Amino acid sequence: MEAVYYTVTGIVLYLLADRILRLLEARAGRVFEYRSLVFFVLLLSMALVTFAGIRRFAPAIWN
């Protein structure tokens, strides 16, 4: 079941990182030169926090 949590969370985080990046670019009024790097940093930072939360709270759900 934990794999399902990670998969669904990964998909949601991917879409959320894309939306945040588009909002940042719209606010700046230009496409970022290192767009892929900014996307990667957004996705990685959100994934580390969220996956750590899943790892911490998922065992409590099953017990």
PDB file of N, CA and C in Angstrom:
ATOM      1  N   MET A   1       0.822  -1.191   0.000  1.00  0.00           N
ATOM      2  CA  MET A   1       0.000   0.000   0.000  1.00  0.00           C
ATOM      3  C   MET A   1       0.869   1.259   0.000  1.00  0.00           C
ATOM      4  N   GLU A   2       2.020   1.147   0.622  1.00  0.00           N
ATOM      5  CA  GLU A   2       2.930   2.285   0.690  1.00  0.00           C
ATOM      6  C   GLU A   2       3.395   2.705  -0.706  1.00  0.00           C
ATOM      7  N   ALA A   3       3.567   1.740  -1.591  1.00  0.00           N
ATOM      8  CA  ALA A   3       3.972   2.045  -2.966  1.00  0.00           C
ATOM      9  C   ALA A   3       2.920   2.868  -3.680  1.00  0.00           C
ATOM     10  N   VAL A   4       1.668   2.624  -3.375  1.00  0.00           N
ATOM     11  CA  VAL A   4       0.582   3.412  -3.969  1.00  0.00           C
ATOM     12  C   VAL A   4       0.660   4.848  -3.480  1.00  0.00           C
ATOM     13  N   TYR A   5       0.927   5.040  -2.201  1.00  0.00           N
ATOM     14  CA  TYR A   5       1.070   6.393  -1.653  1.00  0.00           C
ATOM     15  C   TYR A   5       2.191   7.151  -2.365  1.00  0.00           C
ATOM     16  N   TYR A   6       3.334   6.490  -2.521  1.00  0.00           N
ATOM     17  CA  TYR A   6       4.468   7.126  -3.182  1.00  0.00           C
ATOM     18  C   TYR A   6       4.158   7.455  -4.638  1.00  0.00           C
ATOM     19  N   THR A   7       3.505   6.563  -5.343  1.00  0.00           N
ATOM     20  CA  THR A   7       3.198   6.777  -6.752  1.00  0.00           C
ATOM     21  C   THR A   7       2.225   7.927  -6.945  1.00  0.00           C
ATOM     22  N   VAL A   8       1.139   7.909  -6.202  1.00  0.00           N
ATOM     23  CA  VAL A   8       0.142   8.983  -6.316  1.00  0.00           C
ATOM     24  C   VAL A   8       0.752  10.317  -5.887  1.00  0.00           C
ATOM     25  N   THR A   9       1.520  10.304  -4.825  1.00  0.00           N
ATOM     26  CA  THR A   9       2.169  11.532  -4.357  1.00  0.00           C
ATOM     27  C   THR A   9       3.150  12.059  -5.391  1.00  0.00           C
ATOM     28  N   GLY A  10       3.916  11.177  -6.017  1.00  0.00           N
ATOM     29  CA  GLY A  10       4.860  11.595  -7.051  1.00  0.00           C
ATOM     30  C   GLY A  10       4.164  12.268  -8.227  1.00  0.00           C
ATOM     31  N   ILE A  11       3.043  11.712  -8.648  1.00  0.00           N
ATOM     32  CA  ILE A  11       2.292  12.305  -9.755  1.00  0.00           C
ATOM     33  C   ILE A  11       1.756  13.676  -9.375  1.00  0.00           C
ATOM     34  N   VAL A  12       1.196  13.774  -8.189  1.00  0.00           N
ATOM     35  CA  VAL A  12       0.655  15.061  -7.721  1.00  0.00           C
ATOM     36  C   VAL A  12       1.763  16.094  -7.580  1.00  0.00           C
ATOM     37  N   LEU A  13       2.900  15.698  -7.034  1.00  0.00           N
ATOM     38  CA  LEU A  13       4.014  16.632  -6.864  1.00  0.00           C
ATOM     39  C   LEU A  13       4.567  17.094  -8.202  1.00  0.00           C
ATOM     40  N   TYR A  14       4.612  16.207  -9.179  1.00  0.00           N
ATOM     41  CA  TYR A  14       5.070  16.574 -10.518  1.00  0.00           C
ATOM     42  C   TYR A  14       4.176  17.658 -11.104  1.00  0.00           C
ATOM     43  N   LEU A  15       2.863  17.459 -11.024  1.00  0.00           N
ATOM     44  CA  LEU A  15       1.919  18.448 -11.552  1.00  0.00           C
ATOM     45  C   LEU A  15       1.981  19.754 -10.764  1.00  0.00           C
ATOM     46  N   LEU A  16       2.138  19.651  -9.451  1.00  0.00           N
ATOM     47  CA  LEU A  16       2.230  20.847  -8.611  1.00  0.00           C
ATOM     48  C   LEU A  16       3.505  21.638  -8.904  1.00  0.00           C
ATOM     49  N   ALA A  17       4.621  20.955  -9.083  1.00  0.00           N
ATOM     50  CA  ALA A  17       5.875  21.634  -9.404  1.00  0.00           C
ATOM     51  C   ALA A  17       5.776  22.342 -10.748  1.00  0.00           C
ATOM     52  N   ASP A  18       5.117  21.725 -11.712  1.00  0.00           N
ATOM     53  CA  ASP A  18       4.917  22.353 -13.014  1.00  0.00           C
ATOM     54  C   ASP A  18       4.073  23.617 -12.883  1.00  0.00           C
ATOM     55  N   ARG A  19       3.007  23.536 -12.102  1.00  0.00           N
ATOM     56  CA  ARG A  19       2.143  24.705 -11.907  1.00  0.00           C
ATOM     57  C   ARG A  19       2.889  25.839 -11.199  1.00  0.00           C
ATOM     58  N   ILE A  20       3.663  25.503 -10.176  1.00  0.00           N
ATOM     59  CA  ILE A  20       4.430  26.522  -9.456  1.00  0.00           C
ATOM     60  C   ILE A  20       5.444  27.182 -10.383  1.00  0.00           C
ATOM     61  N   LEU A  21       6.117  26.369 -11.197  1.00  0.00           N
ATOM     62  CA  LEU A  21       7.092  26.909 -12.138  1.00  0.00           C
ATOM     63  C   LEU A  21       6.428  27.860 -13.123  1.00  0.00           C
ATOM     64  N   ARG A  22       5.279  27.475 -13.641  1.00  0.00           N
ATOM     65  CA  ARG A  22       4.558  28.355 -14.574  1.00  0.00           C
ATOM     66  C   ARG A  22       4.136  29.658 -13.908  1.00  0.00           C
ATOM     67  N   LEU A  23       3.715  29.586 -12.655  1.00  0.00           N
ATOM     68  CA  LEU A  23       3.340  30.800 -11.924  1.00  0.00           C
ATOM     69  C   LEU A  23       4.548  31.708 -11.691  1.00  0.00           C
ATOM     70  N   LEU A  24       5.672  31.104 -11.344  1.00  0.00           N
ATOM     71  CA  LEU A  24       6.895  31.898 -11.148  1.00  0.00           C
ATOM     72  C   LEU A  24       7.324  32.580 -12.444  1.00  0.00           C
ATOM     73  N   GLU A  25       7.234  31.853 -13.558  1.00  0.00           N
ATOM     74  CA  GLU A  25       7.600  32.435 -14.848  1.00  0.00           C
ATOM     75  C   GLU A  25       6.631  33.532 -15.255  1.00  0.00           C
ATOM     76  N   ALA A  26       5.355  33.344 -14.981  1.00  0.00           N
ATOM     77  CA  ALA A  26       4.368  34.380 -15.301  1.00  0.00           C
ATOM     78  C   ALA A  26       4.610  35.621 -14.464  1.00  0.00           C
ATOM     79  N   ARG A  27       4.956  35.427 -13.212  1.00  0.00           N
ATOM     80  CA  ARG A  27       5.231  36.566 -12.338  1.00  0.00           C
ATOM     81  C   ARG A  27       6.492  37.303 -12.785  1.00  0.00           C
ATOM     82  N   ALA A  28       7.487  36.552 -13.262  1.00  0.00           N
ATOM     83  CA  ALA A  28       8.731  37.164 -13.737  1.00  0.00           C
ATOM     84  C   ALA A  28       8.564  37.767 -15.131  1.00  0.00           C
ATOM     85  N   GLY A  29       7.559  37.281 -15.873  1.00  0.00           N
ATOM     86  CA  GLY A  29       7.319  37.805 -17.202  1.00  0.00           C
ATOM     87  C   GLY A  29       8.247  37.244 -18.268  1.00  0.00           C
ATOM     88  N   ARG A  30       8.872  36.133 -17.978  1.00  0.00           N
ATOM     89  CA  ARG A  30       9.792  35.520 -18.933  1.00  0.00           C
ATOM     90  C   ARG A  30       9.962  34.053 -18.593  1.00  0.00           C
ATOM     91  N   VAL A  31      10.478  33.297 -19.555  1.00  0.00           N
ATOM     92  CA  VAL A  31      10.803  31.894 -19.307  1.00  0.00           C
ATOM     93  C   VAL A  31      12.207  31.845 -18.720  1.00  0.00           C
ATOM     94  N   PHE A  32      12.358  31.104 -17.644  1.00  0.00           N
ATOM     95  CA  PHE A  32      13.660  31.024 -16.993  1.00  0.00           C
ATOM     96  C   PHE A  32      14.674  30.328 -17.892  1.00  0.00           C
ATOM     97  N   GLU A  33      15.895  30.809 -17.819  1.00  0.00           N
ATOM     98  CA  GLU A  33      16.963  30.235 -18.629  1.00  0.00           C
ATOM     99  C   GLU A  33      17.251  28.785 -18.223  1.00  0.00           C
ATOM    100  N   TYR A  34      17.267  28.537 -16.935  1.00  0.00           N
ATOM    101  CA  TYR A  34      17.530  27.196 -16.409  1.00  0.00           C
ATOM    102  C   TYR A  34      16.230  26.590 -15.874  1.00  0.00           C
ATOM    103  N   ARG A  35      15.249  26.525 -16.743  1.00  0.00           N
ATOM    104  CA  ARG A  35      13.908  26.068 -16.379  1.00  0.00           C
ATOM    105  C   ARG A  35      13.926  24.654 -15.811  1.00  0.00           C
ATOM    106  N   SER A  36      14.675  23.775 -16.415  1.00  0.00           N
ATOM    107  CA  SER A  36      14.738  22.381 -15.952  1.00  0.00           C
ATOM    108  C   SER A  36      15.339  22.286 -14.559  1.00  0.00           C
ATOM    109  N   LEU A  37      16.327  23.093 -14.286  1.00  0.00           N
ATOM    110  CA  LEU A  37      16.957  23.082 -12.968  1.00  0.00           C
ATOM    111  C   LEU A  37      15.992  23.591 -11.899  1.00  0.00           C
ATOM    112  N   VAL A  38      15.270  24.650 -12.204  1.00  0.00           N
ATOM    113  CA  VAL A  38      14.294  25.186 -11.256  1.00  0.00           C
ATOM    114  C   VAL A  38      13.207  24.145 -10.992  1.00  0.00           C
ATOM    115  N   PHE A  39      12.733  23.492 -12.042  1.00  0.00           N
ATOM    116  CA  PHE A  39      11.729  22.445 -11.886  1.00  0.00           C
ATOM    117  C   PHE A  39      12.263  21.313 -11.016  1.00  0.00           C
ATOM    118  N   PHE A  40      13.485  20.894 -11.266  1.00  0.00           N
ATOM    119  CA  PHE A  40      14.090  19.817 -10.495  1.00  0.00           C
ATOM    120  C   PHE A  40      14.197  20.188  -9.017  1.00  0.00           C
ATOM    121  N   VAL A  41      14.625  21.396  -8.723  1.00  0.00           N
ATOM    122  CA  VAL A  41      14.762  21.828  -7.330  1.00  0.00           C
ATOM    123  C   VAL A  41      13.395  21.862  -6.641  1.00  0.00           C
ATOM    124  N   LEU A  42      12.394  22.375  -7.332  1.00  0.00           N
ATOM    125  CA  LEU A  42      11.041  22.396  -6.765  1.00  0.00           C
ATOM    126  C   LEU A  42      10.555  20.980  -6.476  1.00  0.00           C
ATOM    127  N   LEU A  43      10.661  20.115  -7.462  1.00  0.00           N
ATOM    128  CA  LEU A  43      10.165  18.745  -7.312  1.00  0.00           C
ATOM    129  C   LEU A  43      10.933  17.987  -6.239  1.00  0.00           C
ATOM    130  N   LEU A  44      12.239  18.114  -6.238  1.00  0.00           N
ATOM    131  CA  LEU A  44      13.058  17.405  -5.249  1.00  0.00           C
ATOM    132  C   LEU A  44      12.748  17.861  -3.827  1.00  0.00           C
ATOM    133  N   SER A  45      12.664  19.161  -3.623  1.00  0.00           N
ATOM    134  CA  SER A  45      12.413  19.657  -2.268  1.00  0.00           C
ATOM    135  C   SER A  45      11.037  19.223  -1.764  1.00  0.00           C
ATOM    136  N   MET A  46      10.024  19.298  -2.617  1.00  0.00           N
ATOM    137  CA  MET A  46       8.697  18.858  -2.193  1.00  0.00           C
ATOM    138  C   MET A  46       8.667  17.348  -1.968  1.00  0.00           C
ATOM    139  N   ALA A  47       9.360  16.587  -2.806  1.00  0.00           N
ATOM    140  CA  ALA A  47       9.366  15.134  -2.678  1.00  0.00           C
ATOM    141  C   ALA A  47      10.060  14.684  -1.390  1.00  0.00           C
ATOM    142  N   LEU A  48      11.175  15.304  -1.059  1.00  0.00           N
ATOM    143  CA  LEU A  48      11.891  14.913   0.159  1.00  0.00           C
ATOM    144  C   LEU A  48      11.028  15.113   1.396  1.00  0.00           C
ATOM    145  N   VAL A  49      10.353  16.248   1.459  1.00  0.00           N
ATOM    146  CA  VAL A  49       9.509  16.541   2.618  1.00  0.00           C
ATOM    147  C   VAL A  49       8.303  15.602   2.660  1.00  0.00           C
ATOM    148  N   THR A  50       7.641  15.461   1.531  1.00  0.00           N
ATOM    149  CA  THR A  50       6.423  14.654   1.490  1.00  0.00           C
ATOM    150  C   THR A  50       6.710  13.172   1.698  1.00  0.00           C
ATOM    151  N   PHE A  51       7.752  12.642   1.057  1.00  0.00           N
ATOM    152  CA  PHE A  51       8.071  11.226   1.217  1.00  0.00           C
ATOM    153  C   PHE A  51       8.526  10.911   2.634  1.00  0.00           C
ATOM    154  N   ALA A  52       9.204  11.846   3.275  1.00  0.00           N
ATOM    155  CA  ALA A  52       9.583  11.639   4.676  1.00  0.00           C
ATOM    156  C   ALA A  52       8.329  11.572   5.551  1.00  0.00           C
ATOM    157  N   GLY A  53       7.342  12.396   5.228  1.00  0.00           N
ATOM    158  CA  GLY A  53       6.078  12.346   5.963  1.00  0.00           C
ATOM    159  C   GLY A  53       5.350  11.038   5.754  1.00  0.00           C
ATOM    160  N   ILE A  54       5.346  10.537   4.534  1.00  0.00           N
ATOM    161  CA  ILE A  54       4.709   9.247   4.259  1.00  0.00           C
ATOM    162  C   ILE A  54       5.417   8.139   5.032  1.00  0.00           C
ATOM    163  N   ARG A  55       6.731   8.166   5.004  1.00  0.00           N
ATOM    164  CA  ARG A  55       7.509   7.136   5.707  1.00  0.00           C
ATOM    165  C   ARG A  55       7.234   7.175   7.206  1.00  0.00           C
ATOM    166  N   ARG A  56       7.018   8.379   7.713  1.00  0.00           N
ATOM    167  CA  ARG A  56       6.820   8.526   9.150  1.00  0.00           C
ATOM    168  C   ARG A  56       5.412   8.139   9.583  1.00  0.00           C
ATOM    169  N   PHE A  57       4.406   8.525   8.772  1.00  0.00           N
ATOM    170  CA  PHE A  57       3.025   8.328   9.198  1.00  0.00           C
ATOM    171  C   PHE A  57       2.349   7.104   8.611  1.00  0.00           C
ATOM    172  N   ALA A  58       2.882   6.515   7.565  1.00  0.00           N
ATOM    173  CA  ALA A  58       2.245   5.344   6.958  1.00  0.00           C
ATOM    174  C   ALA A  58       2.194   4.146   7.902  1.00  0.00           C
ATOM    175  N   PRO A  59       3.242   3.843   8.669  1.00  0.00           N
ATOM    176  CA  PRO A  59       3.115   2.709   9.595  1.00  0.00           C
ATOM    177  C   PRO A  59       2.001   2.917  10.622  1.00  0.00           C
ATOM    178  N   ALA A  60       1.747   4.142  10.999  1.00  0.00           N
ATOM    179  CA  ALA A  60       0.689   4.413  11.977  1.00  0.00           C
ATOM    180  C   ALA A  60      -0.692   4.117  11.384  1.00  0.00           C
ATOM    181  N   ILE A  61      -0.818   4.217  10.088  1.00  0.00           N
ATOM    182  CA  ILE A  61      -2.102   3.946   9.450  1.00  0.00           C
ATOM    183  C   ILE A  61      -2.416   2.458   9.501  1.00  0.00           C
ATOM    184  N   TRP A  62      -1.401   1.620   9.358  1.00  0.00           N
ATOM    185  CA  TRP A  62      -1.627   0.180   9.310  1.00  0.00           C
ATOM    186  C   TRP A  62      -1.741  -0.457  10.685  1.00  0.00           C
ATOM    187  N   ASN A  63      -1.303   0.210  11.730  1.00  0.00           N
ATOM    188  CA  ASN A  63      -1.352  -0.382  13.072  1.00  0.00           C
ATOM    189  C   ASN A  63      -2.609  -0.015  13.803  1.00  0.00           C
TER     190      ASN A  63
END
